[in-house]
Amino acid sequence: MWTSLSSSRGISLLTVTIVICMSASEVYSQNQRTPKCCPAVSRKRITERIAECYIQKPEFPCRINAYLFVTISGKEWCVDPDASWLKNRLNQVRRRRIQPLTCDPLFTLD
């Protein structure tokens, strides 16, 4: 009897833990999208409004150095950090936004 009672508690505890983890994961994924690694970069100007910015370093899992921009329509752009227009565009976007645009690291390995 004691074995079946502790087994039932263990299963219940495991079920509750799984539900909590899945709920937390779903909330995080709704609030923060994680773009994919840039396979290549472009020097083409982005004219659409920028919603998010990430810096991709040439470290695992991504292989090249890039700025990854996500536009308000959800389109992802991989930009060469040496593109001649990039610095001016970043300054322009930062001035026009109510909240400052920060380019966060795409991946951080702890």
PDB file of N, CA and C in Angstrom:
ATOM      1  N   MET A   1       0.817  -1.192   0.000  1.00  0.00           N
ATOM      2  CA  MET A   1       0.000   0.000   0.000  1.00  0.00           C
ATOM      3  C   MET A   1       0.864   1.260   0.000  1.00  0.00           C
ATOM      4  N   TRP A   2       1.892   1.296   0.855  1.00  0.00           N
ATOM      5  CA  TRP A   2       2.773   2.459   0.946  1.00  0.00           C
ATOM      6  C   TRP A   2       3.490   2.706  -0.377  1.00  0.00           C
ATOM      7  N   THR A   3       3.875   1.621  -1.076  1.00  0.00           N
ATOM      8  CA  THR A   3       4.582   1.748  -2.347  1.00  0.00           C
ATOM      9  C   THR A   3       3.690   2.370  -3.411  1.00  0.00           C
ATOM     10  N   SER A   4       2.447   1.933  -3.482  1.00  0.00           N
ATOM     11  CA  SER A   4       1.554   2.488  -4.503  1.00  0.00           C
ATOM     12  C   SER A   4       1.213   3.948  -4.204  1.00  0.00           C
ATOM     13  N   LEU A   5       1.141   4.325  -2.918  1.00  0.00           N
ATOM     14  CA  LEU A   5       0.854   5.706  -2.543  1.00  0.00           C
ATOM     15  C   LEU A   5       2.026   6.617  -2.915  1.00  0.00           C
ATOM     16  N   SER A   6       3.253   6.201  -2.606  1.00  0.00           N
ATOM     17  CA  SER A   6       4.410   7.031  -2.940  1.00  0.00           C
ATOM     18  C   SER A   6       4.624   7.067  -4.450  1.00  0.00           C
ATOM     19  N   SER A   7       4.295   5.998  -5.133  1.00  0.00           N
ATOM     20  CA  SER A   7       4.393   5.970  -6.588  1.00  0.00           C
ATOM     21  C   SER A   7       3.398   6.948  -7.208  1.00  0.00           C
ATOM     22  N   SER A   8       2.189   7.003  -6.674  1.00  0.00           N
ATOM     23  CA  SER A   8       1.178   7.934  -7.169  1.00  0.00           C
ATOM     24  C   SER A   8       1.608   9.381  -6.934  1.00  0.00           C
ATOM     25  N   ARG A   9       2.203   9.650  -5.767  1.00  0.00           N
ATOM     26  CA  ARG A   9       2.679  11.002  -5.482  1.00  0.00           C
ATOM     27  C   ARG A   9       3.818  11.372  -6.431  1.00  0.00           C
ATOM     28  N   GLY A  10       4.687  10.425  -6.702  1.00  0.00           N
ATOM     29  CA  GLY A  10       5.809  10.676  -7.613  1.00  0.00           C
ATOM     30  C   GLY A  10       5.326  11.006  -9.013  1.00  0.00           C
ATOM     31  N   ILE A  11       4.342  10.265  -9.478  1.00  0.00           N
ATOM     32  CA  ILE A  11       3.786  10.505 -10.813  1.00  0.00           C
ATOM     33  C   ILE A  11       3.083  11.863 -10.848  1.00  0.00           C
ATOM     34  N   SER A  12       2.326  12.177  -9.795  1.00  0.00           N
ATOM     35  CA  SER A  12       1.645  13.471  -9.733  1.00  0.00           C
ATOM     36  C   SER A  12       2.648  14.622  -9.718  1.00  0.00           C
ATOM     37  N   LEU A  13       3.703  14.487  -8.935  1.00  0.00           N
ATOM     38  CA  LEU A  13       4.737  15.520  -8.862  1.00  0.00           C
ATOM     39  C   LEU A  13       5.434  15.682 -10.211  1.00  0.00           C
ATOM     40  N   LEU A  14       5.715  14.586 -10.869  1.00  0.00           N
ATOM     41  CA  LEU A  14       6.346  14.633 -12.181  1.00  0.00           C
ATOM     42  C   LEU A  14       5.433  15.319 -13.201  1.00  0.00           C
ATOM     43  N   THR A  15       4.151  14.992 -13.168  1.00  0.00           N
ATOM     44  CA  THR A  15       3.188  15.595 -14.088  1.00  0.00           C
ATOM     45  C   THR A  15       3.101  17.107 -13.871  1.00  0.00           C
ATOM     46  N   VAL A  16       3.020  17.530 -12.619  1.00  0.00           N
ATOM     47  CA  VAL A  16       2.943  18.969 -12.308  1.00  0.00           C
ATOM     48  C   VAL A  16       4.211  19.673 -12.774  1.00  0.00           C
ATOM     49  N   THR A  17       5.361  19.066 -12.553  1.00  0.00           N
ATOM     50  CA  THR A  17       6.639  19.656 -12.977  1.00  0.00           C
ATOM     51  C   THR A  17       6.685  19.824 -14.492  1.00  0.00           C
ATOM     52  N   ILE A  18       6.254  18.824 -15.221  1.00  0.00           N
ATOM     53  CA  ILE A  18       6.253  18.885 -16.687  1.00  0.00           C
ATOM     54  C   ILE A  18       5.314  19.990 -17.174  1.00  0.00           C
ATOM     55  N   VAL A  19       4.144  20.102 -16.593  1.00  0.00           N
ATOM     56  CA  VAL A  19       3.181  21.135 -16.991  1.00  0.00           C
ATOM     57  C   VAL A  19       3.749  22.532 -16.731  1.00  0.00           C
ATOM     58  N   ILE A  20       4.376  22.723 -15.581  1.00  0.00           N
ATOM     59  CA  ILE A  20       4.969  24.028 -15.255  1.00  0.00           C
ATOM     60  C   ILE A  20       6.076  24.364 -16.235  1.00  0.00           C
ATOM     61  N   CYS A  21       6.949  23.423 -16.533  1.00  0.00           N
ATOM     62  CA  CYS A  21       8.047  23.667 -17.469  1.00  0.00           C
ATOM     63  C   CYS A  21       7.527  24.008 -18.864  1.00  0.00           C
ATOM     64  N   MET A  22       6.513  23.289 -19.316  1.00  0.00           N
ATOM     65  CA  MET A  22       5.965  23.550 -20.644  1.00  0.00           C
ATOM     66  C   MET A  22       5.298  24.918 -20.696  1.00  0.00           C
ATOM     67  N   SER A  23       4.606  25.302 -19.642  1.00  0.00           N
ATOM     68  CA  SER A  23       3.956  26.609 -19.600  1.00  0.00           C
ATOM     69  C   SER A  23       4.983  27.725 -19.615  1.00  0.00           C
ATOM     70  N   ALA A  24       6.037  27.594 -18.834  1.00  0.00           N
ATOM     71  CA  ALA A  24       7.086  28.616 -18.796  1.00  0.00           C
ATOM     72  C   ALA A  24       7.774  28.722 -20.146  1.00  0.00           C
ATOM     73  N   SER A  25       8.015  27.601 -20.774  1.00  0.00           N
ATOM     74  CA  SER A  25       8.660  27.589 -22.083  1.00  0.00           C
ATOM     75  C   SER A  25       7.781  28.275 -23.125  1.00  0.00           C
ATOM     76  N   GLU A  26       6.493  28.040 -23.074  1.00  0.00           N
ATOM     77  CA  GLU A  26       5.569  28.630 -24.038  1.00  0.00           C
ATOM     78  C   GLU A  26       5.488  30.141 -23.856  1.00  0.00           C
ATOM     79  N   VAL A  27       5.448  30.607 -22.615  1.00  0.00           N
ATOM     80  CA  VAL A  27       5.405  32.043 -22.355  1.00  0.00           C
ATOM     81  C   VAL A  27       6.684  32.693 -22.864  1.00  0.00           C
ATOM     82  N   TYR A  28       7.833  32.081 -22.600  1.00  0.00           N
ATOM     83  CA  TYR A  28       9.102  32.638 -23.057  1.00  0.00           C
ATOM     84  C   TYR A  28       9.142  32.704 -24.583  1.00  0.00           C
ATOM     85  N   SER A  29       8.700  31.662 -25.247  1.00  0.00           N
ATOM     86  CA  SER A  29       8.769  31.641 -26.703  1.00  0.00           C
ATOM     87  C   SER A  29       7.806  32.638 -27.339  1.00  0.00           C
ATOM     88  N   GLN A  30       6.713  32.972 -26.652  1.00  0.00           N
ATOM     89  CA  GLN A  30       5.797  33.964 -27.197  1.00  0.00           C
ATOM     90  C   GLN A  30       6.366  35.366 -27.063  1.00  0.00           C
ATOM     91  N   ASN A  31       7.153  35.607 -26.015  1.00  0.00           N
ATOM     92  CA  ASN A  31       7.687  36.941 -25.774  1.00  0.00           C
ATOM     93  C   ASN A  31       9.027  37.173 -26.444  1.00  0.00           C
ATOM     94  N   GLN A  32       9.734  36.154 -26.767  1.00  0.00           N
ATOM     95  CA  GLN A  32      11.065  36.304 -27.332  1.00  0.00           C
ATOM     96  C   GLN A  32      11.240  35.299 -28.454  1.00  0.00           C
ATOM     97  N   ARG A  33      11.476  35.797 -29.631  1.00  0.00           N
ATOM     98  CA  ARG A  33      11.741  34.899 -30.746  1.00  0.00           C
ATOM     99  C   ARG A  33      13.246  34.762 -30.877  1.00  0.00           C
ATOM    100  N   THR A  34      13.679  33.615 -31.253  1.00  0.00           N
ATOM    101  CA  THR A  34      15.099  33.391 -31.446  1.00  0.00           C
ATOM    102  C   THR A  34      15.347  33.170 -32.923  1.00  0.00           C
ATOM    103  N   PRO A  35      15.990  34.136 -33.565  1.00  0.00           N
ATOM    104  CA  PRO A  35      16.270  33.959 -34.985  1.00  0.00           C
ATOM    105  C   PRO A  35      17.279  32.852 -35.220  1.00  0.00           C
ATOM    106  N   LYS A  36      17.326  32.387 -36.457  1.00  0.00           N
ATOM    107  CA  LYS A  36      18.297  31.368 -36.841  1.00  0.00           C
ATOM    108  C   LYS A  36      19.641  32.024 -37.099  1.00  0.00           C
ATOM    109  N   CYS A  37      20.671  31.205 -37.216  1.00  0.00           N
ATOM    110  CA  CYS A  37      21.998  31.709 -37.574  1.00  0.00           C
ATOM    111  C   CYS A  37      21.987  32.215 -39.015  1.00  0.00           C
ATOM    112  N   CYS A  38      22.753  33.254 -39.250  1.00  0.00           N
ATOM    113  CA  CYS A  38      22.909  33.763 -40.612  1.00  0.00           C
ATOM    114  C   CYS A  38      23.894  32.879 -41.367  1.00  0.00           C
ATOM    115  N   PRO A  39      23.477  32.292 -42.478  1.00  0.00           N
ATOM    116  CA  PRO A  39      24.403  31.473 -43.261  1.00  0.00           C
ATOM    117  C   PRO A  39      25.317  32.329 -44.138  1.00  0.00           C
ATOM    118  N   ALA A  40      24.875  33.545 -44.455  1.00  0.00           N
ATOM    119  CA  ALA A  40      25.646  34.470 -45.297  1.00  0.00           C
ATOM    120  C   ALA A  40      25.184  35.882 -44.960  1.00  0.00           C
ATOM    121  N   VAL A  41      25.971  36.882 -45.378  1.00  0.00           N
ATOM    122  CA  VAL A  41      25.609  38.267 -45.106  1.00  0.00           C
ATOM    123  C   VAL A  41      25.422  39.042 -46.405  1.00  0.00           C
ATOM    124  N   SER A  42      24.737  40.164 -46.277  1.00  0.00           N
ATOM    125  CA  SER A  42      24.493  41.032 -47.417  1.00  0.00           C
ATOM    126  C   SER A  42      24.916  42.450 -47.047  1.00  0.00           C
ATOM    127  N   ARG A  43      25.238  43.242 -48.044  1.00  0.00           N
ATOM    128  CA  ARG A  43      25.531  44.663 -47.832  1.00  0.00           C
ATOM    129  C   ARG A  43      24.363  45.528 -48.298  1.00  0.00           C
ATOM    130  N   LYS A  44      23.270  44.878 -48.708  1.00  0.00           N
ATOM    131  CA  LYS A  44      22.091  45.585 -49.206  1.00  0.00           C
ATOM    132  C   LYS A  44      21.437  46.381 -48.076  1.00  0.00           C
ATOM    133  N   ARG A  45      21.031  47.615 -48.400  1.00  0.00           N
ATOM    134  CA  ARG A  45      20.379  48.476 -47.413  1.00  0.00           C
ATOM    135  C   ARG A  45      19.000  47.936 -47.038  1.00  0.00           C
ATOM    136  N   ILE A  46      18.654  48.115 -45.762  1.00  0.00           N
ATOM    137  CA  ILE A  46      17.325  47.741 -45.272  1.00  0.00           C
ATOM    138  C   ILE A  46      16.521  49.029 -45.159  1.00  0.00           C
ATOM    139  N   THR A  47      15.408  49.091 -45.859  1.00  0.00           N
ATOM    140  CA  THR A  47      14.581  50.297 -45.824  1.00  0.00           C
ATOM    141  C   THR A  47      13.371  50.148 -44.902  1.00  0.00           C
ATOM    142  N   GLU A  48      13.004  48.922 -44.597  1.00  0.00           N
ATOM    143  CA  GLU A  48      11.859  48.672 -43.728  1.00  0.00           C
ATOM    144  C   GLU A  48      12.237  48.972 -42.276  1.00  0.00           C
ATOM    145  N   ARG A  49      11.243  49.307 -41.457  1.00  0.00           N
ATOM    146  CA  ARG A  49      11.492  49.599 -40.037  1.00  0.00           C
ATOM    147  C   ARG A  49      12.028  48.379 -39.315  1.00  0.00           C
ATOM    148  N   ILE A  50      13.002  48.599 -38.467  1.00  0.00           N
ATOM    149  CA  ILE A  50      13.658  47.515 -37.729  1.00  0.00           C
ATOM    150  C   ILE A  50      13.025  47.381 -36.355  1.00  0.00           C
ATOM    151  N   ALA A  51      12.638  46.151 -36.012  1.00  0.00           N
ATOM    152  CA  ALA A  51      12.014  45.874 -34.719  1.00  0.00           C
ATOM    153  C   ALA A  51      13.014  45.304 -33.719  1.00  0.00           C
ATOM    154  N   GLU A  52      13.925  44.454 -34.194  1.00  0.00           N
ATOM    155  CA  GLU A  52      14.889  43.796 -33.317  1.00  0.00           C
ATOM    156  C   GLU A  52      16.247  43.753 -33.984  1.00  0.00           C
ATOM    157  N   CYS A  53      17.269  43.670 -33.160  1.00  0.00           N
ATOM    158  CA  CYS A  53      18.635  43.604 -33.669  1.00  0.00           C
ATOM    159  C   CYS A  53      19.438  42.627 -32.825  1.00  0.00           C
ATOM    160  N   TYR A  54      20.241  41.815 -33.476  1.00  0.00           N
ATOM    161  CA  TYR A  54      21.106  40.855 -32.793  1.00  0.00           C
ATOM    162  C   TYR A  54      22.501  40.925 -33.410  1.00  0.00           C
ATOM    163  N   ILE A  55      23.489  40.626 -32.605  1.00  0.00           N
ATOM    164  CA  ILE A  55      24.855  40.525 -33.100  1.00  0.00           C
ATOM    165  C   ILE A  55      25.220  39.045 -33.110  1.00  0.00           C
ATOM    166  N   GLN A  56      25.626  38.573 -34.251  1.00  0.00           N
ATOM    167  CA  GLN A  56      26.038  37.175 -34.377  1.00  0.00           C
ATOM    168  C   GLN A  56      27.558  37.132 -34.467  1.00  0.00           C
ATOM    169  N   LYS A  57      28.167  36.466 -33.511  1.00  0.00           N
ATOM    170  CA  LYS A  57      29.618  36.291 -33.501  1.00  0.00           C
ATOM    171  C   LYS A  57      29.973  34.981 -34.192  1.00  0.00           C
ATOM    172  N   PRO A  58      31.150  34.904 -34.763  1.00  0.00           N
ATOM    173  CA  PRO A  58      31.538  33.666 -35.458  1.00  0.00           C
ATOM    174  C   PRO A  58      31.959  32.571 -34.469  1.00  0.00           C
ATOM    175  N   GLU A  59      31.005  32.156 -33.666  1.00  0.00           N
ATOM    176  CA  GLU A  59      31.212  31.101 -32.687  1.00  0.00           C
ATOM    177  C   GLU A  59      30.134  30.047 -32.875  1.00  0.00           C
ATOM    178  N   PHE A  60      30.333  28.878 -32.318  1.00  0.00           N
ATOM    179  CA  PHE A  60      29.345  27.817 -32.412  1.00  0.00           C
ATOM    180  C   PHE A  60      28.045  28.298 -31.797  1.00  0.00           C
ATOM    181  N   PRO A  61      26.888  28.088 -32.373  1.00  0.00           N
ATOM    182  CA  PRO A  61      26.595  27.313 -33.564  1.00  0.00           C
ATOM    183  C   PRO A  61      26.661  28.135 -34.855  1.00  0.00           C
ATOM    184  N   CYS A  62      26.830  29.446 -34.759  1.00  0.00           N
ATOM    185  CA  CYS A  62      26.878  30.288 -35.953  1.00  0.00           C
ATOM    186  C   CYS A  62      28.332  30.454 -36.394  1.00  0.00           C
ATOM    187  N   ARG A  63      28.561  30.514 -37.673  1.00  0.00           N
ATOM    188  CA  ARG A  63      29.933  30.484 -38.195  1.00  0.00           C
ATOM    189  C   ARG A  63      30.474  31.825 -38.684  1.00  0.00           C
ATOM    190  N   ILE A  64      29.610  32.829 -38.866  1.00  0.00           N
ATOM    191  CA  ILE A  64      30.087  34.096 -39.430  1.00  0.00           C
ATOM    192  C   ILE A  64      29.684  35.270 -38.541  1.00  0.00           C
ATOM    193  N   ASN A  65      30.395  36.369 -38.693  1.00  0.00           N
ATOM    194  CA  ASN A  65      30.100  37.599 -37.980  1.00  0.00           C
ATOM    195  C   ASN A  65      29.020  38.351 -38.757  1.00  0.00           C
ATOM    196  N   ALA A  66      27.949  38.777 -38.075  1.00  0.00           N
ATOM    197  CA  ALA A  66      26.847  39.445 -38.763  1.00  0.00           C
ATOM    198  C   ALA A  66      25.996  40.231 -37.781  1.00  0.00           C
ATOM    199  N   TYR A  67      25.275  41.194 -38.325  1.00  0.00           N
ATOM    200  CA  TYR A  67      24.172  41.827 -37.607  1.00  0.00           C
ATOM    201  C   TYR A  67      22.918  41.201 -38.176  1.00  0.00           C
ATOM    202  N   LEU A  68      22.044  40.736 -37.304  1.00  0.00           N
ATOM    203  CA  LEU A  68      20.792  40.139 -37.747  1.00  0.00           C
ATOM    204  C   LEU A  68      19.667  41.081 -37.340  1.00  0.00           C
ATOM    205  N   PHE A  69      18.956  41.615 -38.320  1.00  0.00           N
ATOM    206  CA  PHE A  69      17.836  42.519 -38.073  1.00  0.00           C
ATOM    207  C   PHE A  69      16.534  41.798 -38.361  1.00  0.00           C
ATOM    208  N   VAL A  70      15.555  42.034 -37.504  1.00  0.00           N
ATOM    209  CA  VAL A  70      14.195  41.547 -37.731  1.00  0.00           C
ATOM    210  C   VAL A  70      13.341  42.795 -37.933  1.00  0.00           C
ATOM    211  N   THR A  71      12.680  42.860 -39.078  1.00  0.00           N
ATOM    212  CA  THR A  71      11.861  44.028 -39.395  1.00  0.00           C
ATOM    213  C   THR A  71      10.475  43.885 -38.777  1.00  0.00           C
ATOM    214  N   ILE A  72       9.693  44.941 -38.841  1.00  0.00           N
ATOM    215  CA  ILE A  72       8.356  44.895 -38.228  1.00  0.00           C
ATOM    216  C   ILE A  72       7.445  43.882 -38.912  1.00  0.00           C
ATOM    217  N   SER A  73       7.761  43.523 -40.157  1.00  0.00           N
ATOM    218  CA  SER A  73       6.960  42.500 -40.850  1.00  0.00           C
ATOM    219  C   SER A  73       7.429  41.085 -40.520  1.00  0.00           C
ATOM    220  N   GLY A  74       8.522  40.975 -39.727  1.00  0.00           N
ATOM    221  CA  GLY A  74       9.036  39.664 -39.336  1.00  0.00           C
ATOM    222  C   GLY A  74      10.134  39.128 -40.235  1.00  0.00           C
ATOM    223  N   LYS A  75      10.504  39.892 -41.242  1.00  0.00           N
ATOM    224  CA  LYS A  75      11.553  39.450 -42.156  1.00  0.00           C
ATOM    225  C   LYS A  75      12.918  39.577 -41.475  1.00  0.00           C
ATOM    226  N   GLU A  76      13.782  38.575 -41.661  1.00  0.00           N
ATOM    227  CA  GLU A  76      15.114  38.583 -41.069  1.00  0.00           C
ATOM    228  C   GLU A  76      16.160  38.929 -42.117  1.00  0.00           C
ATOM    229  N   TRP A  77      17.061  39.854 -41.757  1.00  0.00           N
ATOM    230  CA  TRP A  77      18.121  40.298 -42.647  1.00  0.00           C
ATOM    231  C   TRP A  77      19.464  40.056 -41.983  1.00  0.00           C
ATOM    232  N   CYS A  78      20.367  39.430 -42.688  1.00  0.00           N
ATOM    233  CA  CYS A  78      21.726  39.206 -42.217  1.00  0.00           C
ATOM    234  C   CYS A  78      22.635  40.224 -42.905  1.00  0.00           C
ATOM    235  N   VAL A  79      23.219  41.115 -42.118  1.00  0.00           N
ATOM    236  CA  VAL A  79      23.970  42.223 -42.665  1.00  0.00           C
ATOM    237  C   VAL A  79      25.445  42.108 -42.299  1.00  0.00           C
ATOM    238  N   ASP A  80      26.273  42.404 -43.274  1.00  0.00           N
ATOM    239  CA  ASP A  80      27.718  42.435 -43.081  1.00  0.00           C
ATOM    240  C   ASP A  80      28.050  43.576 -42.110  1.00  0.00           C
ATOM    241  N   PRO A  81      28.775  43.293 -41.018  1.00  0.00           N
ATOM    242  CA  PRO A  81      29.124  44.348 -40.062  1.00  0.00           C
ATOM    243  C   PRO A  81      29.959  45.471 -40.679  1.00  0.00           C
ATOM    244  N   ASP A  82      30.586  45.220 -41.811  1.00  0.00           N
ATOM    245  CA  ASP A  82      31.394  46.238 -42.487  1.00  0.00           C
ATOM    246  C   ASP A  82      30.624  46.994 -43.566  1.00  0.00           C
ATOM    247  N   ALA A  83      29.318  46.781 -43.665  1.00  0.00           N
ATOM    248  CA  ALA A  83      28.519  47.486 -44.672  1.00  0.00           C
ATOM    249  C   ALA A  83      28.626  48.990 -44.416  1.00  0.00           C
ATOM    250  N   SER A  84      28.845  49.757 -45.463  1.00  0.00           N
ATOM    251  CA  SER A  84      29.107  51.191 -45.332  1.00  0.00           C
ATOM    252  C   SER A  84      27.941  51.960 -44.695  1.00  0.00           C
ATOM    253  N   TRP A  85      26.736  51.527 -44.874  1.00  0.00           N
ATOM    254  CA  TRP A  85      25.549  52.228 -44.391  1.00  0.00           C
ATOM    255  C   TRP A  85      25.127  51.837 -42.983  1.00  0.00           C
ATOM    256  N   LEU A  86      25.709  50.756 -42.433  1.00  0.00           N
ATOM    257  CA  LEU A  86      25.206  50.156 -41.198  1.00  0.00           C
ATOM    258  C   LEU A  86      25.251  51.109 -39.999  1.00  0.00           C
ATOM    259  N   LYS A  87      26.369  51.742 -39.756  1.00  0.00           N
ATOM    260  CA  LYS A  87      26.504  52.607 -38.581  1.00  0.00           C
ATOM    261  C   LYS A  87      25.480  53.740 -38.606  1.00  0.00           C
ATOM    262  N   ASN A  88      25.317  54.380 -39.757  1.00  0.00           N
ATOM    263  CA  ASN A  88      24.339  55.462 -39.870  1.00  0.00           C
ATOM    264  C   ASN A  88      22.911  54.966 -39.653  1.00  0.00           C
ATOM    265  N   ARG A  89      22.607  53.793 -40.181  1.00  0.00           N
ATOM    266  CA  ARG A  89      21.251  53.223 -40.030  1.00  0.00           C
ATOM    267  C   ARG A  89      20.966  52.894 -38.573  1.00  0.00           C
ATOM    268  N   LEU A  90      21.937  52.315 -37.863  1.00  0.00           N
ATOM    269  CA  LEU A  90      21.752  52.006 -36.446  1.00  0.00           C
ATOM    270  C   LEU A  90      21.502  53.284 -35.648  1.00  0.00           C
ATOM    271  N   ASN A  91      22.272  54.332 -35.912  1.00  0.00           N
ATOM    272  CA  ASN A  91      22.075  55.605 -35.222  1.00  0.00           C
ATOM    273  C   ASN A  91      20.700  56.192 -35.530  1.00  0.00           C
ATOM    274  N   GLN A  92      20.282  56.088 -36.780  1.00  0.00           N
ATOM    275  CA  GLN A  92      18.974  56.599 -37.199  1.00  0.00           C
ATOM    276  C   GLN A  92      17.850  55.864 -36.472  1.00  0.00           C
ATOM    277  N   VAL A  93      17.951  54.549 -36.403  1.00  0.00           N
ATOM    278  CA  VAL A  93      16.921  53.746 -35.739  1.00  0.00           C
ATOM    279  C   VAL A  93      16.896  54.064 -34.250  1.00  0.00           C
ATOM    280  N   ARG A  94      18.040  54.190 -33.637  1.00  0.00           N
ATOM    281  CA  ARG A  94      18.101  54.483 -32.199  1.00  0.00           C
ATOM    282  C   ARG A  94      17.488  55.841 -31.875  1.00  0.00           C
ATOM    283  N   ARG A  95      17.679  56.837 -32.729  1.00  0.00           N
ATOM    284  CA  ARG A  95      17.117  58.174 -32.496  1.00  0.00           C
ATOM    285  C   ARG A  95      15.601  58.180 -32.639  1.00  0.00           C
ATOM    286  N   ARG A  96      15.057  57.393 -33.528  1.00  0.00           N
ATOM    287  CA  ARG A  96      13.619  57.419 -33.814  1.00  0.00           C
ATOM    288  C   ARG A  96      12.782  56.585 -32.842  1.00  0.00           C
ATOM    289  N   ARG A  97      13.393  55.699 -32.120  1.00  0.00           N
ATOM    290  CA  ARG A  97      12.647  54.805 -31.231  1.00  0.00           C
ATOM    291  C   ARG A  97      12.418  55.437 -29.871  1.00  0.00           C
ATOM    292  N   ILE A  98      11.292  55.122 -29.260  1.00  0.00           N
ATOM    293  CA  ILE A  98      11.012  55.579 -27.893  1.00  0.00           C
ATOM    294  C   ILE A  98      11.936  54.830 -26.939  1.00  0.00           C
ATOM    295  N   GLN A  99      12.007  53.522 -27.091  1.00  0.00           N
ATOM    296  CA  GLN A  99      12.949  52.728 -26.319  1.00  0.00           C
ATOM    297  C   GLN A  99      14.173  52.505 -27.187  1.00  0.00           C
ATOM    298  N   PRO A 100      15.360  52.646 -26.621  1.00  0.00           N
ATOM    299  CA  PRO A 100      16.564  52.470 -27.444  1.00  0.00           C
ATOM    300  C   PRO A 100      16.674  51.056 -28.006  1.00  0.00           C
ATOM    301  N   LEU A 101      17.157  50.974 -29.220  1.00  0.00           N
ATOM    302  CA  LEU A 101      17.403  49.679 -29.846  1.00  0.00           C
ATOM    303  C   LEU A 101      18.765  49.189 -29.390  1.00  0.00           C
ATOM    304  N   THR A 102      18.800  48.014 -28.848  1.00  0.00           N
ATOM    305  CA  THR A 102      20.075  47.409 -28.486  1.00  0.00           C
ATOM    306  C   THR A 102      20.232  46.141 -29.302  1.00  0.00           C
ATOM    307  N   CYS A 103      21.417  45.904 -29.750  1.00  0.00           N
ATOM    308  CA  CYS A 103      21.702  44.685 -30.510  1.00  0.00           C
ATOM    309  C   CYS A 103      22.276  43.659 -29.552  1.00  0.00           C
ATOM    310  N   ASP A 104      21.433  42.750 -29.128  1.00  0.00           N
ATOM    311  CA  ASP A 104      21.847  41.731 -28.173  1.00  0.00           C
ATOM    312  C   ASP A 104      22.604  40.614 -28.875  1.00  0.00           C
ATOM    313  N   PRO A 105      23.460  39.906 -28.140  1.00  0.00           N
ATOM    314  CA  PRO A 105      24.098  38.726 -28.740  1.00  0.00           C
ATOM    315  C   PRO A 105      23.039  37.707 -29.138  1.00  0.00           C
ATOM    316  N   LEU A 106      23.231  37.087 -30.274  1.00  0.00           N
ATOM    317  CA  LEU A 106      22.269  36.098 -30.760  1.00  0.00           C
ATOM    318  C   LEU A 106      22.247  34.878 -29.854  1.00  0.00           C
ATOM    319  N   PHE A 107      23.423  34.414 -29.484  1.00  0.00           N
ATOM    320  CA  PHE A 107      23.534  33.266 -28.576  1.00  0.00           C
ATOM    321  C   PHE A 107      24.544  33.600 -27.510  1.00  0.00           C
ATOM    322  N   THR A 108      24.267  33.196 -26.280  1.00  0.00           N
ATOM    323  CA  THR A 108      25.268  33.301 -25.235  1.00  0.00           C
ATOM    324  C   THR A 108      25.461  31.917 -24.665  1.00  0.00           C
ATOM    325  N   LEU A 109      26.686  31.502 -24.612  1.00  0.00           N
ATOM    326  CA  LEU A 109      26.993  30.182 -24.077  1.00  0.00           C
ATOM    327  C   LEU A 109      27.533  30.334 -22.676  1.00  0.00           C
ATOM    328  N   ASP A 110      26.837  29.756 -21.720  1.00  0.00           N
ATOM    329  CA  ASP A 110      27.273  29.849 -20.316  1.00  0.00           C
ATOM    330  C   ASP A 110      28.055  28.627 -19.917  1.00  0.00           C
TER     331      ASP A 110
END
